[in-house]
Amino acid sequence: MDKRLQSFEHLLNIMDDLREKCPWDKKQTLESLRHLTIEETYELADAILDEDLDGIRGELGDLMLHIVFYARIGSEKGAFDIKSVLDGINEKLIRRHPHIYGDVKAETAEQVKDNWEKIKLKTGKKKVLSGVPKSLPAMIKAYRIQDKVKGVGFDWEKPHQVWDKVQEEMQELKAEVDRQEAADYRGIRDQKANSDTQKTSKDPGRTNQKKIEEEFGDLMFALINYARFIGVNPENALERTNKKFVKRFEHLEEQAKKTGKDMKKMNLAEMDVFWDEAKRME
């Protein structure tokens, strides 16, 4: 027997034992496993960004366990089992790769993606965006939405067009922020003018906060779209920046502690010395 099949069969047998004999495993449901699966997925994502190949191997094992676990629970409900799960994905892959298993031509990755979306619409998904999970984080969801509509031709043609849109959204956001700042100033001024004669409970600020939030969202959506056009995954890019920031800030903390300084009493110029030091170390 193929060693891969032996290992997979071993995992299935272990899952059967755990489900029948372990109090914790016996108690789990599809719902109770959900948040754990999400956590495991993010742990895999971290290992990928860290280029930790051993970590990736381990996290893939954890996810494989979850898949087998869900399949075992499904079989207990008489709904599905690991065979039907595997049969389903096998059939889907063959159906959506007609350039491999049929006579359709597709010589580039983009052509393959376009064919994939068109086939999905013909075989059950009647709406282009119906396949985008509602619970996805907003940034990933925006990227997937844009990628989906691209598959049916709803997209910009050139990167510079998207960049123009970014600049347009940035100007609209700035206009709303300026408008709010002007309203804040007028409100404070009016309160001061009335303070000698009467008290007022009216809040002078945040009259168009919803509009600012809307424009900020539009700007982010446009930036994510631009990232797609220049071949950047915005989620990965932002997370790498997060990691870089954390690393530099932790260096700042360590150096402040070594020199006996209280960060809360340091000014920004003093902090920048250690921050720039961390940048040079990179």
Protein backbone atom coordinates (compact mmCIF):
# COMPACT_ATOMS: atom_id res chain seq x y z
CA MET A 1 0.00 0.00 0.00
CA ASP A 2 1.10 3.57 -0.73
CA LYS A 3 2.72 4.99 2.43
CA ARG A 4 0.60 8.12 2.11
CA LEU A 5 -2.55 6.03 2.26
CA GLN A 6 -1.17 4.12 5.23
CA SER A 7 -0.60 7.36 7.14
CA PHE A 8 -4.06 8.64 6.26
CA GLU A 9 -5.69 5.37 7.32
CA HIS A 10 -3.75 5.54 10.60
CA LEU A 11 -5.16 9.02 11.26
CA LEU A 12 -8.70 7.81 10.53
CA ASN A 13 -8.26 4.93 12.97
CA ILE A 14 -6.89 7.27 15.66
CA MET A 15 -9.88 9.58 15.14
CA ASP A 16 -12.25 6.63 15.60
CA ASP A 17 -10.49 5.72 18.86
CA LEU A 18 -10.57 9.28 20.17
CA ARG A 19 -14.23 9.76 19.32
CA GLU A 20 -15.19 6.54 21.07
CA LYS A 21 -12.90 6.64 24.11
CA CYS A 22 -11.75 10.20 24.90
CA PRO A 23 -14.20 12.28 27.01
CA TRP A 24 -13.14 15.56 25.39
CA ASP A 25 -13.29 14.28 21.80
CA LYS A 26 -16.64 12.57 22.42
CA LYS A 27 -18.10 15.89 23.57
CA GLN A 28 -17.16 17.95 20.49
CA THR A 29 -19.67 19.13 17.87
CA LEU A 30 -19.39 20.85 14.50
CA GLU A 31 -20.07 24.15 16.27
CA SER A 32 -17.59 23.63 19.12
CA LEU A 33 -14.79 22.88 16.67
CA ARG A 34 -15.44 25.95 14.50
CA HIS A 35 -13.47 28.54 16.50
CA LEU A 36 -10.64 26.06 17.02
CA THR A 37 -10.38 25.51 13.27
CA ILE A 38 -10.25 29.26 12.67
CA GLU A 39 -7.45 29.53 15.25
CA GLU A 40 -5.50 26.70 13.60
CA THR A 41 -5.87 28.40 10.22
CA TYR A 42 -4.36 31.62 11.57
CA GLU A 43 -1.52 29.66 13.17
CA LEU A 44 -0.79 28.16 9.75
CA ALA A 45 -0.90 31.65 8.24
CA ASP A 46 1.66 32.85 10.82
CA ALA A 47 3.98 29.95 10.05
CA ILE A 48 3.76 30.71 6.32
CA LEU A 49 4.63 34.39 6.84
CA ASP A 50 7.52 33.39 9.11
CA GLU A 51 8.71 30.90 6.44
CA ASP A 52 8.76 28.29 9.21
CA LEU A 53 8.59 25.08 7.15
CA ASP A 54 8.56 22.81 10.18
CA GLY A 55 5.80 24.93 11.69
CA ILE A 56 3.82 24.73 8.44
CA ARG A 57 4.08 20.93 8.51
CA GLY A 58 2.77 20.83 12.07
CA GLU A 59 -0.09 23.26 11.44
CA LEU A 60 -1.15 21.34 8.33
CA GLY A 61 -1.36 18.24 10.50
CA ASP A 62 -3.60 20.09 12.95
CA LEU A 63 -5.90 21.21 10.13
CA MET A 64 -5.96 17.69 8.70
CA LEU A 65 -7.10 16.42 12.10
CA HIS A 66 -9.94 18.94 12.06
CA ILE A 67 -11.06 17.82 8.60
CA VAL A 68 -11.10 14.20 9.71
CA PHE A 69 -12.91 15.22 12.92
CA TYR A 70 -15.67 17.04 11.00
CA ALA A 71 -16.04 14.06 8.66
CA ARG A 72 -16.38 11.66 11.59
CA ILE A 73 -19.13 13.81 13.16
CA GLY A 74 -20.83 14.04 9.76
CA SER A 75 -20.84 10.25 9.47
CA GLU A 76 -22.44 9.96 12.91
CA LYS A 77 -25.24 12.25 11.71
CA GLY A 78 -25.62 10.22 8.51
CA ALA A 79 -24.91 13.36 6.50
CA PHE A 80 -21.45 12.75 5.01
CA ASP A 81 -18.22 10.89 5.70
CA ILE A 82 -14.58 11.25 4.72
CA LYS A 83 -15.16 9.30 1.49
CA SER A 84 -17.96 11.60 0.33
CA VAL A 85 -15.87 14.62 1.29
CA LEU A 86 -12.93 13.39 -0.80
CA ASP A 87 -15.17 12.25 -3.67
CA GLY A 88 -16.75 15.69 -3.73
CA ILE A 89 -13.48 17.61 -3.98
CA ASN A 90 -12.11 15.15 -6.57
CA GLU A 91 -15.15 15.62 -8.79
CA LYS A 92 -15.03 19.41 -8.34
CA LEU A 93 -11.34 19.64 -9.28
CA ILE A 94 -11.85 17.55 -12.42
CA ARG A 95 -14.93 19.57 -13.40
CA ARG A 96 -13.21 22.91 -12.88
CA HIS A 97 -10.01 21.97 -14.71
CA PRO A 98 -11.29 21.20 -18.21
CA HIS A 99 -7.92 22.33 -19.60
CA ILE A 100 -6.44 19.26 -17.88
CA TYR A 101 -9.31 16.76 -18.02
CA GLY A 102 -11.08 18.08 -21.11
CA ASP A 103 -10.50 19.95 -24.35
CA VAL A 104 -10.59 23.56 -23.07
CA LYS A 105 -7.52 25.73 -23.70
CA ALA A 106 -5.95 27.65 -20.82
CA GLU A 107 -2.28 28.55 -21.01
CA THR A 108 -2.01 31.13 -18.23
CA ALA A 109 -2.99 31.25 -14.56
CA GLU A 110 -5.39 34.12 -15.32
CA GLN A 111 -7.20 32.08 -17.96
CA VAL A 112 -7.55 29.22 -15.49
CA LYS A 113 -9.06 31.58 -12.86
CA ASP A 114 -11.49 33.05 -15.39
CA ASN A 115 -12.63 29.59 -16.47
CA TRP A 116 -13.00 28.57 -12.81
CA GLU A 117 -15.42 31.42 -12.05
CA LYS A 118 -17.45 30.83 -15.22
CA ILE A 119 -17.80 27.12 -14.45
CA LYS A 120 -18.92 27.90 -10.89
CA LEU A 121 -21.72 30.10 -12.21
CA LYS A 122 -22.88 27.28 -14.50
CA THR A 123 -22.81 24.59 -11.82
CA GLY A 124 -24.72 26.00 -8.88
CA LYS A 125 -23.39 29.45 -7.91
CA LYS A 126 -25.95 31.73 -9.55
CA LYS A 127 -24.50 34.93 -8.09
CA VAL A 128 -20.91 35.97 -8.65
CA LEU A 129 -20.33 36.97 -5.02
CA SER A 130 -22.29 34.16 -3.36
CA GLY A 131 -19.07 32.21 -2.78
CA VAL A 132 -17.48 34.90 -0.59
CA PRO A 133 -17.90 33.84 3.07
CA LYS A 134 -19.74 36.42 5.18
CA SER A 135 -17.47 35.83 8.18
CA LEU A 136 -14.22 36.61 6.35
CA PRO A 137 -12.16 39.47 7.84
CA ALA A 138 -13.06 42.68 6.01
CA MET A 139 -9.72 43.12 4.21
CA ILE A 140 -9.64 39.56 2.89
CA LYS A 141 -13.31 39.83 1.94
CA ALA A 142 -12.68 43.01 -0.08
CA TYR A 143 -9.82 41.31 -1.93
CA ARG A 144 -11.96 38.25 -2.70
CA ILE A 145 -14.90 40.41 -3.84
CA GLN A 146 -12.68 42.28 -6.26
CA ASP A 147 -11.11 39.06 -7.51
CA LYS A 148 -14.53 37.48 -8.03
CA VAL A 149 -16.01 40.32 -10.08
CA LYS A 150 -12.84 40.43 -12.16
CA GLY A 151 -13.69 36.90 -13.28
CA VAL A 152 -16.75 38.20 -15.13
CA GLY A 153 -15.00 41.26 -16.57
CA PHE A 154 -16.01 43.91 -14.01
CA ASP A 155 -12.60 45.44 -13.44
CA TRP A 156 -10.26 48.27 -14.29
CA GLU A 157 -7.93 47.86 -17.25
CA LYS A 158 -4.71 49.48 -16.03
CA PRO A 159 -3.06 50.03 -12.62
CA HIS A 160 -2.90 53.81 -13.14
CA GLN A 161 -6.71 53.92 -13.33
CA VAL A 162 -6.94 52.30 -9.92
CA TRP A 163 -4.31 54.66 -8.53
CA ASP A 164 -6.36 57.60 -9.79
CA LYS A 165 -9.29 56.16 -7.88
CA VAL A 166 -7.16 55.88 -4.73
CA GLN A 167 -6.22 59.54 -5.01
CA GLU A 168 -9.84 60.51 -5.62
CA GLU A 169 -10.98 58.62 -2.51
CA MET A 170 -8.14 60.15 -0.49
CA GLN A 171 -9.27 63.66 -1.47
CA GLU A 172 -12.89 62.84 -0.57
CA LEU A 173 -11.80 61.56 2.84
CA LYS A 174 -9.66 64.65 3.43
CA ALA A 175 -12.59 66.90 2.48
CA GLU A 176 -14.85 65.21 5.05
CA VAL A 177 -12.17 65.41 7.76
CA ASP A 178 -11.62 69.11 6.99
CA ARG A 179 -15.37 69.69 7.14
CA GLN A 180 -15.55 67.99 10.53
CA GLU A 181 -12.62 69.98 11.89
CA ALA A 182 -14.31 73.20 10.76
CA ALA A 183 -17.55 72.12 12.46
CA ASP A 184 -15.64 71.27 15.64
CA TYR A 185 -14.01 74.71 15.64
CA ARG A 186 -17.34 76.49 15.14
CA GLY A 187 -18.95 74.47 17.92
CA ILE A 188 -16.19 75.25 20.40
CA ARG A 189 -16.24 78.91 19.44
CA ASP A 190 -20.02 79.12 19.90
CA GLN A 191 -19.79 77.40 23.27
CA LYS A 192 -17.21 79.91 24.46
CA ALA A 193 -19.35 82.78 23.24
CA ASN A 194 -22.36 81.47 25.15
CA SER A 195 -20.53 80.37 28.28
CA ASP A 196 -21.04 83.70 30.08
CA THR A 197 -24.79 83.76 29.51
CA GLN A 198 -25.98 80.15 29.53
CA LYS A 199 -24.87 76.55 29.69
CA THR A 200 -25.28 74.39 26.61
CA SER A 201 -25.38 70.59 26.50
CA LYS A 202 -24.95 70.37 22.76
CA ASP A 203 -21.89 68.39 21.67
CA PRO A 204 -20.00 70.52 19.16
CA GLY A 205 -18.19 67.67 17.44
CA ARG A 206 -18.49 64.54 15.30
CA THR A 207 -21.47 65.74 13.24
CA ASN A 208 -20.42 63.73 10.16
CA GLN A 209 -18.44 60.86 11.66
CA LYS A 210 -20.42 58.28 9.65
CA LYS A 211 -19.48 60.04 6.43
CA ILE A 212 -15.81 60.07 7.42
CA GLU A 213 -15.99 56.35 8.16
CA GLU A 214 -17.66 55.74 4.80
CA GLU A 215 -14.98 57.64 2.92
CA PHE A 216 -12.23 55.87 4.87
CA GLY A 217 -13.77 52.53 3.88
CA ASP A 218 -13.89 53.61 0.23
CA LEU A 219 -10.21 54.55 0.40
CA MET A 220 -9.24 51.20 1.89
CA PHE A 221 -11.27 49.35 -0.74
CA ALA A 222 -9.50 51.29 -3.48
CA LEU A 223 -6.06 50.61 -1.94
CA ILE A 224 -6.82 46.91 -1.73
CA ASN A 225 -7.86 47.00 -5.37
CA TYR A 226 -4.59 48.73 -6.29
CA ALA A 227 -2.64 46.14 -4.33
CA ARG A 228 -4.27 43.43 -6.43
CA PHE A 229 -3.22 45.22 -9.62
CA ILE A 230 0.42 45.47 -8.57
CA GLY A 231 0.61 41.86 -7.39
CA VAL A 232 0.53 42.51 -3.64
CA ASN A 233 -1.61 40.56 -1.19
CA PRO A 234 -2.79 43.35 1.16
CA GLU A 235 -3.41 41.01 4.10
CA ASN A 236 0.12 39.60 3.91
CA ALA A 237 1.61 43.05 3.37
CA LEU A 238 -0.15 44.54 6.40
CA GLU A 239 0.71 41.59 8.62
CA ARG A 240 4.40 41.84 7.66
CA THR A 241 4.26 45.52 8.59
CA ASN A 242 2.59 44.60 11.90
CA LYS A 243 5.39 42.15 12.66
CA LYS A 244 8.01 44.72 11.68
CA PHE A 245 6.44 47.36 13.92
CA VAL A 246 6.23 44.95 16.87
CA LYS A 247 9.87 43.98 16.46
CA ARG A 248 11.03 47.61 16.37
CA PHE A 249 8.84 48.64 19.29
CA GLU A 250 10.06 45.74 21.42
CA HIS A 251 13.63 46.86 20.69
CA LEU A 252 12.64 50.35 21.83
CA GLU A 253 11.21 48.91 25.07
CA GLU A 254 14.30 46.80 25.72
CA GLN A 255 16.71 49.68 25.15
CA ALA A 256 14.67 52.06 27.31
CA LYS A 257 14.75 49.51 30.11
CA LYS A 258 18.51 48.96 29.72
CA THR A 259 19.19 52.67 30.00
CA GLY A 260 16.87 53.05 32.99
CA LYS A 261 14.38 55.27 31.18
CA ASP A 262 10.63 55.32 31.74
CA MET A 263 8.96 55.22 28.32
CA LYS A 264 6.00 57.22 29.58
CA LYS A 265 8.38 60.08 30.41
CA MET A 266 10.42 59.90 27.19
CA ASN A 267 9.65 62.34 24.41
CA LEU A 268 9.25 61.25 20.79
CA ALA A 269 12.75 62.37 19.81
CA GLU A 270 14.26 60.14 22.50
CA MET A 271 12.17 57.20 21.36
CA ASP A 272 13.14 57.79 17.73
CA VAL A 273 16.79 57.17 18.58
CA PHE A 274 16.03 53.57 19.56
CA TRP A 275 13.48 53.20 16.77
CA ASP A 276 16.01 54.23 14.12
CA GLU A 277 18.53 51.89 15.74
CA ALA A 278 16.08 49.00 15.29
CA LYS A 279 15.60 49.96 11.63
CA ARG A 280 19.35 49.94 11.02
CA MET A 281 19.62 46.49 12.64
CA GLU A 282 17.20 45.14 10.03
